[in-house]
C-alpha atoms as a PDB file:
ATOM      1  CA  MET A   1      29.953  31.602  -6.155  1.00  0.00           C
ATOM      2  CA  ASN A   2      30.576  32.145  -9.765  1.00  0.00           C
ATOM      3  CA  LYS A   3      28.011  31.647 -12.515  1.00  0.00           C
ATOM      4  CA  PHE A   4      29.508  28.316 -13.589  1.00  0.00           C
ATOM      5  CA  SER A   5      29.119  26.836 -10.083  1.00  0.00           C
ATOM      6  CA  ILE A   6      25.518  27.994  -9.903  1.00  0.00           C
ATOM      7  CA  PHE A   7      24.873  26.499 -13.340  1.00  0.00           C
ATOM      8  CA  LEU A   8      26.397  23.147 -12.278  1.00  0.00           C
ATOM      9  CA  MET A   9      24.343  23.067  -9.083  1.00  0.00           C
ATOM     10  CA  ALA A  10      21.139  23.817 -11.017  1.00  0.00           C
ATOM     11  CA  LEU A  11      21.991  21.137 -13.575  1.00  0.00           C
ATOM     12  CA  CYS A  12      22.646  18.569 -10.834  1.00  0.00           C
ATOM     13  CA  LEU A  13      19.345  19.445  -9.184  1.00  0.00           C
ATOM     14  CA  ILE A  14      17.480  18.948 -12.473  1.00  0.00           C
ATOM     15  CA  ILE A  15      19.203  15.622 -13.099  1.00  0.00           C
ATOM     16  CA  LEU A  16      18.519  14.367  -9.568  1.00  0.00           C
ATOM     17  CA  THR A  17      14.857  15.368  -9.807  1.00  0.00           C
ATOM     18  CA  SER A  18      14.555  13.638 -13.155  1.00  0.00           C
ATOM     19  CA  CYS A  19      16.158  10.470 -11.781  1.00  0.00           C
ATOM     20  CA  ALA A  20      13.760  10.427  -8.825  1.00  0.00           C
ATOM     21  CA  SER A  21      10.784  10.837 -11.145  1.00  0.00           C
ATOM     22  CA  GLN A  22      12.043   8.018 -13.333  1.00  0.00           C
ATOM     23  CA  ARG A  23      12.513   5.738 -10.299  1.00  0.00           C
ATOM     24  CA  ARG A  24       8.976   6.515  -9.113  1.00  0.00           C
ATOM     25  CA  ALA A  25       7.553   5.767 -12.555  1.00  0.00           C
ATOM     26  CA  GLU A  26       9.438   2.457 -12.633  1.00  0.00           C
ATOM     27  CA  ARG A  27       8.161   1.534  -9.169  1.00  0.00           C
ATOM     28  CA  LEU A  28       4.584   2.349 -10.187  1.00  0.00           C
ATOM     29  CA  MET A  29       4.954   0.175 -13.272  1.00  0.00           C
ATOM     30  CA  GLY A  30       6.368  -2.636 -11.127  1.00  0.00           C
ATOM     31  CA  HIS A  31       3.429  -2.434  -8.709  1.00  0.00           C
ATOM     32  CA  ASN A  32       0.979  -2.424 -11.606  1.00  0.00           C
ATOM     33  CA  ASN A  33       2.631  -5.434 -13.248  1.00  0.00           C
ATOM     34  CA  THR A  34       2.682  -7.324  -9.956  1.00  0.00           C
ATOM     35  CA  LEU A  35      -0.983  -6.681  -9.189  1.00  0.00           C
ATOM     36  CA  THR A  36      -2.093  -7.431 -12.752  1.00  0.00           C
ATOM     37  CA  GLN A  37      -0.207 -10.739 -12.777  1.00  0.00           C
ATOM     38  CA  THR A  38      -1.544 -11.541  -9.303  1.00  0.00           C
ATOM     39  CA  MET A  39      -5.140 -10.958 -10.357  1.00  0.00           C
ATOM     40  CA  GLN A  40      -4.727 -13.031 -13.514  1.00  0.00           C
ATOM     41  CA  ASN A  41      -2.989 -15.955 -11.791  1.00  0.00           C
ATOM     42  CA  ALA A  42      -5.702 -18.537 -11.087  1.00  0.00           C
ATOM     43  CA  GLU A  43      -3.207 -20.745  -9.235  1.00  0.00           C
ATOM     44  CA  LEU A  44      -2.850 -18.257  -6.373  1.00  0.00           C
ATOM     45  CA  SER A  45      -5.217 -18.584  -3.430  1.00  0.00           C
ATOM     46  CA  PRO A  46      -7.191 -15.535  -2.313  1.00  0.00           C
ATOM     47  CA  GLU A  47      -4.974 -15.350   0.771  1.00  0.00           C
ATOM     48  CA  GLN A  48      -1.836 -15.300  -1.385  1.00  0.00           C
ATOM     49  CA  LYS A  49      -3.379 -12.566  -3.562  1.00  0.00           C
ATOM     50  CA  LEU A  50      -4.214 -10.577  -0.441  1.00  0.00           C
ATOM     51  CA  ASP A  51      -0.644 -10.976   0.808  1.00  0.00           C
ATOM     52  CA  ILE A  52       0.719  -9.614  -2.476  1.00  0.00           C
ATOM     53  CA  LEU A  53      -1.770  -6.724  -2.510  1.00  0.00           C
ATOM     54  CA  ALA A  54      -1.099  -5.800   1.113  1.00  0.00           C
ATOM     55  CA  GLY A  55       2.672  -5.983   0.538  1.00  0.00           C
ATOM     56  CA  SER A  56       2.365  -3.717  -2.497  1.00  0.00           C
ATOM     57  CA  LEU A  57       0.170  -1.289  -0.608  1.00  0.00           C
ATOM     58  CA  ALA A  58       2.572  -1.199   2.350  1.00  0.00           C
ATOM     59  CA  ASP A  59       5.446  -0.496  -0.051  1.00  0.00           C
ATOM     60  CA  VAL A  60       3.532   2.344  -1.732  1.00  0.00           C
ATOM     61  CA  MET A  61       2.535   3.882   1.585  1.00  0.00           C
ATOM     62  CA  ASN A  62       6.152   3.703   2.726  1.00  0.00           C
ATOM     63  CA  GLU A  63       7.353   5.225  -0.548  1.00  0.00           C
ATOM     64  CA  GLY A  64       4.669   7.924  -0.350  1.00  0.00           C
ATOM     65  CA  VAL A  65       5.494   8.856   3.229  1.00  0.00           C
ATOM     66  CA  ASN A  66       9.195   9.104   2.324  1.00  0.00           C
ATOM     67  CA  ILE A  67       8.621  11.545  -0.552  1.00  0.00           C
ATOM     68  CA  LEU A  68       9.311  14.927   1.037  1.00  0.00           C
ATOM     69  CA  ASN A  69       7.269  17.044  -1.348  1.00  0.00           C
ATOM     70  CA  VAL A  70       3.633  16.395  -0.387  1.00  0.00           C
ATOM     71  CA  LYS A  71       2.348  17.396  -3.823  1.00  0.00           C
ATOM     72  CA  LYS A  72       4.708  14.986  -5.604  1.00  0.00           C
ATOM     73  CA  GLY A  73       4.035  12.288  -3.040  1.00  0.00           C
ATOM     74  CA  GLY A  74       0.300  12.775  -3.397  1.00  0.00           C
ATOM     75  CA  LYS A  75       0.601  12.557  -7.170  1.00  0.00           C
ATOM     76  CA  TYR A  76       2.610   9.346  -6.820  1.00  0.00           C
ATOM     77  CA  VAL A  77       0.067   7.732  -4.500  1.00  0.00           C
ATOM     78  CA  LYS A  78      -2.868   8.897  -6.626  1.00  0.00           C
ATOM     79  CA  GLU A  79      -1.235   7.402  -9.724  1.00  0.00           C
ATOM     80  CA  TYR A  80      -0.825   4.088  -7.890  1.00  0.00           C
ATOM     81  CA  PHE A  81      -4.513   3.963  -7.029  1.00  0.00           C
ATOM     82  CA  ASP A  82      -5.595   5.201 -10.461  1.00  0.00           C
ATOM     83  CA  GLN A  83      -3.513   2.501 -12.161  1.00  0.00           C
ATOM     84  CA  ASN A  84      -4.466  -0.293  -9.790  1.00  0.00           C
ATOM     85  CA  ASP A  85      -8.004   0.417  -8.610  1.00  0.00           C
ATOM     86  CA  GLY A  86      -9.487  -2.344 -10.789  1.00  0.00           C
ATOM     87  CA  ASN A  87      -7.000  -4.931  -9.558  1.00  0.00           C
ATOM     88  CA  ILE A  88      -7.375  -3.813  -5.936  1.00  0.00           C
ATOM     89  CA  MET A  89     -11.157  -4.047  -6.061  1.00  0.00           C
ATOM     90  CA  ALA A  90     -11.066  -7.414  -7.863  1.00  0.00           C
ATOM     91  CA  ILE A  91      -8.642  -8.912  -5.334  1.00  0.00           C
ATOM     92  CA  MET A  92     -10.594  -7.551  -2.361  1.00  0.00           C
ATOM     93  CA  SER A  93     -13.863  -8.878  -3.844  1.00  0.00           C
ATOM     94  CA  GLU A  94     -12.305 -12.300  -4.334  1.00  0.00           C
ATOM     95  CA  VAL A  95     -10.965 -12.249  -0.763  1.00  0.00           C
ATOM     96  CA  ALA A  96     -14.339 -11.169   0.662  1.00  0.00           C
ATOM     97  CA  GLU A  97     -16.155 -13.900  -1.268  1.00  0.00           C
ATOM     98  CA  TRP A  98     -13.617 -16.491  -0.131  1.00  0.00           C
ATOM     99  CA  GLN A  99     -13.814 -15.331   3.478  1.00  0.00           C
ATOM    100  CA  GLN A 100     -17.610 -15.652   3.499  1.00  0.00           C
ATOM    101  CA  GLY A 101     -17.177 -19.370   2.907  1.00  0.00           C
ATOM    102  CA  LEU A 102     -14.960 -19.769   5.977  1.00  0.00           C
ATOM    103  CA  SER A 103     -16.232 -20.914   9.340  1.00  0.00           C
ATOM    104  CA  GLN A 104     -15.690 -18.731  12.398  1.00  0.00           C
ATOM    105  CA  ALA A 105     -12.787 -20.939  13.498  1.00  0.00           C
ATOM    106  CA  GLU A 106     -11.165 -20.637  10.062  1.00  0.00           C
ATOM    107  CA  ARG A 107     -11.601 -16.855  10.140  1.00  0.00           C
ATOM    108  CA  THR A 108      -9.976 -16.714  13.561  1.00  0.00           C
ATOM    109  CA  THR A 109      -7.085 -18.847  12.307  1.00  0.00           C
ATOM    110  CA  LEU A 110      -6.755 -16.550   9.287  1.00  0.00           C
ATOM    111  CA  GLY A 111      -6.696 -13.546  11.602  1.00  0.00           C
ATOM    112  CA  LEU A 112      -3.913 -15.101  13.658  1.00  0.00           C
ATOM    113  CA  ARG A 113      -1.935 -15.843  10.487  1.00  0.00           C
ATOM    114  CA  MET A 114      -2.398 -12.227   9.399  1.00  0.00           C
ATOM    115  CA  LEU A 115      -0.635 -11.093  12.577  1.00  0.00           C
ATOM    116  CA  THR A 116       2.513 -12.910  11.466  1.00  0.00           C
ATOM    117  CA  LYS A 117       2.582 -11.470   7.945  1.00  0.00           C
ATOM    118  CA  PRO A 118       5.534  -9.177   7.229  1.00  0.00           C
ATOM    119  CA  TYR A 119       3.330  -6.335   5.994  1.00  0.00           C
ATOM    120  CA  THR A 120       1.017  -6.225   9.035  1.00  0.00           C
ATOM    121  CA  LYS A 121       3.356  -4.260  11.289  1.00  0.00           C
ATOM    122  CA  ASP A 122       4.290  -1.948   8.398  1.00  0.00           C
ATOM    123  CA  MET A 123       0.652  -1.217   7.646  1.00  0.00           C
ATOM    124  CA  VAL A 124      -0.257  -0.646  11.292  1.00  0.00           C
ATOM    125  CA  LEU A 125       2.563   1.894  11.595  1.00  0.00           C
ATOM    126  CA  LEU A 126       2.150   3.468   8.153  1.00  0.00           C
ATOM    127  CA  ILE A 127      -1.613   3.941   7.852  1.00  0.00           C
ATOM    128  CA  PRO A 128      -1.862   6.767  10.435  1.00  0.00           C
ATOM    129  CA  LYS A 129       1.245   8.524   9.024  1.00  0.00           C
ATOM    130  CA  PHE A 130       0.023   8.053   5.481  1.00  0.00           C
ATOM    131  CA  ILE A 131      -3.469   9.385   6.165  1.00  0.00           C
ATOM    132  CA  ALA A 132      -2.082  12.360   8.120  1.00  0.00           C
ATOM    133  CA  LYS A 133       0.306  13.288   5.323  1.00  0.00           C
ATOM    134  CA  TYR A 134      -2.127  12.825   2.445  1.00  0.00           C
ATOM    135  CA  LYS A 135      -5.456  13.830   3.948  1.00  0.00           C
ATOM    136  CA  ALA A 136      -5.986  16.180   0.990  1.00  0.00           C
ATOM    137  CA  TYR A 137      -5.922  13.239  -1.410  1.00  0.00           C
ATOM    138  CA  SER A 138      -9.306  11.718  -0.603  1.00  0.00           C
ATOM    139  CA  THR A 139      -9.229   9.111  -3.370  1.00  0.00           C
ATOM    140  CA  ALA A 140      -6.103   7.499  -1.985  1.00  0.00           C
ATOM    141  CA  ILE A 141      -7.409   7.690   1.555  1.00  0.00           C
ATOM    142  CA  ARG A 142     -10.740   6.093   0.628  1.00  0.00           C
ATOM    143  CA  ALA A 143      -8.942   3.280  -1.173  1.00  0.00           C
ATOM    144  CA  THR A 144      -6.544   2.800   1.738  1.00  0.00           C
ATOM    145  CA  ARG A 145      -9.417   2.678   4.197  1.00  0.00           C
ATOM    146  CA  ARG A 146     -11.267   0.121   2.027  1.00  0.00           C
ATOM    147  CA  VAL A 147      -8.234  -2.162   2.080  1.00  0.00           C
ATOM    148  CA  LYS A 148      -7.612  -1.503   5.787  1.00  0.00           C
ATOM    149  CA  ASP A 149     -11.243  -2.209   6.673  1.00  0.00           C
ATOM    150  CA  GLY A 150     -11.143  -5.394   4.617  1.00  0.00           C
ATOM    151  CA  LEU A 151      -7.973  -6.530   6.368  1.00  0.00           C
ATOM    152  CA  LEU A 152      -9.227  -5.636   9.831  1.00  0.00           C
ATOM    153  CA  LYS A 153     -12.485  -7.562   9.341  1.00  0.00           C
ATOM    154  CA  MET A 154     -10.527 -10.776   8.898  1.00  0.00           C
ATOM    155  CA  GLY A 155     -10.452 -13.181  11.756  1.00  0.00           C
ATOM    156  CA  GLY A 156     -14.000 -12.399  12.852  1.00  0.00           C
ATOM    157  CA  GLY A 157     -12.992  -9.140  14.524  1.00  0.00           C
ATOM    158  CA  LEU A 158      -9.742 -10.478  15.970  1.00  0.00           C
ATOM    159  CA  LEU A 159      -7.759  -7.784  14.153  1.00  0.00           C
ATOM    160  CA  ASP A 160     -10.036  -4.875  15.108  1.00  0.00           C
ATOM    161  CA  GLY A 161      -7.486  -3.602  17.645  1.00  0.00           C
ATOM    162  CA  LEU A 162      -4.974  -2.921  14.864  1.00  0.00           C
ATOM    163  CA  GLY A 163      -6.857   0.082  13.508  1.00  0.00           C
ATOM    164  CA  ASN A 164      -6.394   2.255  16.577  1.00  0.00           C
ATOM    165  CA  GLY A 165      -2.576   2.238  16.421  1.00  0.00           C
ATOM    166  CA  ASN A 166      -2.256   0.944  20.015  1.00  0.00           C
ATOM    167  CA  PHE A 167      -1.548  -2.653  19.040  1.00  0.00           C
ATOM    168  CA  GLN A 168       2.122  -3.666  19.152  1.00  0.00           C
ATOM    169  CA  ILE A 169       3.480  -6.432  16.949  1.00  0.00           C
ATOM    170  CA  GLY A 170       6.890  -7.904  17.545  1.00  0.00           C
ATOM    171  CA  ASN A 171       9.551  -5.968  19.410  1.00  0.00           C
END
């Protein structure tokens, strides 16, 4: 290869890396905007807020697992949790408070509804992969476990089997 070809390849690599970083930053901003608007929207029920949070978290875990460079992926996931920790904790507190007011039958019904949510299967499959890949990033793992534990407690223990990875949803 001549010097010009090497220069072009290096330039393309720099541009592609820059584009990926820009896309990640835009996705983080989108997640932050979504969770901020969700938390501020008094018209949404706690269940709807939980659905939005869980969907966002499933997306971030999927994005994080798909980033090949563990250091960059870890930085991406850490930024998500750093930016959104307040919203995550506020939504989970609201959900926990709301769930305390439910009867056992209502909790069971909620648990059954959770099984049909689009993010449930994604989270069940992603959480073990995510934790295995990012075990060095304890902040993200602790936050993921808090959300997972909160989700698995729904339905009065009905969803407890999801945490072990042996539960199959759908096909």
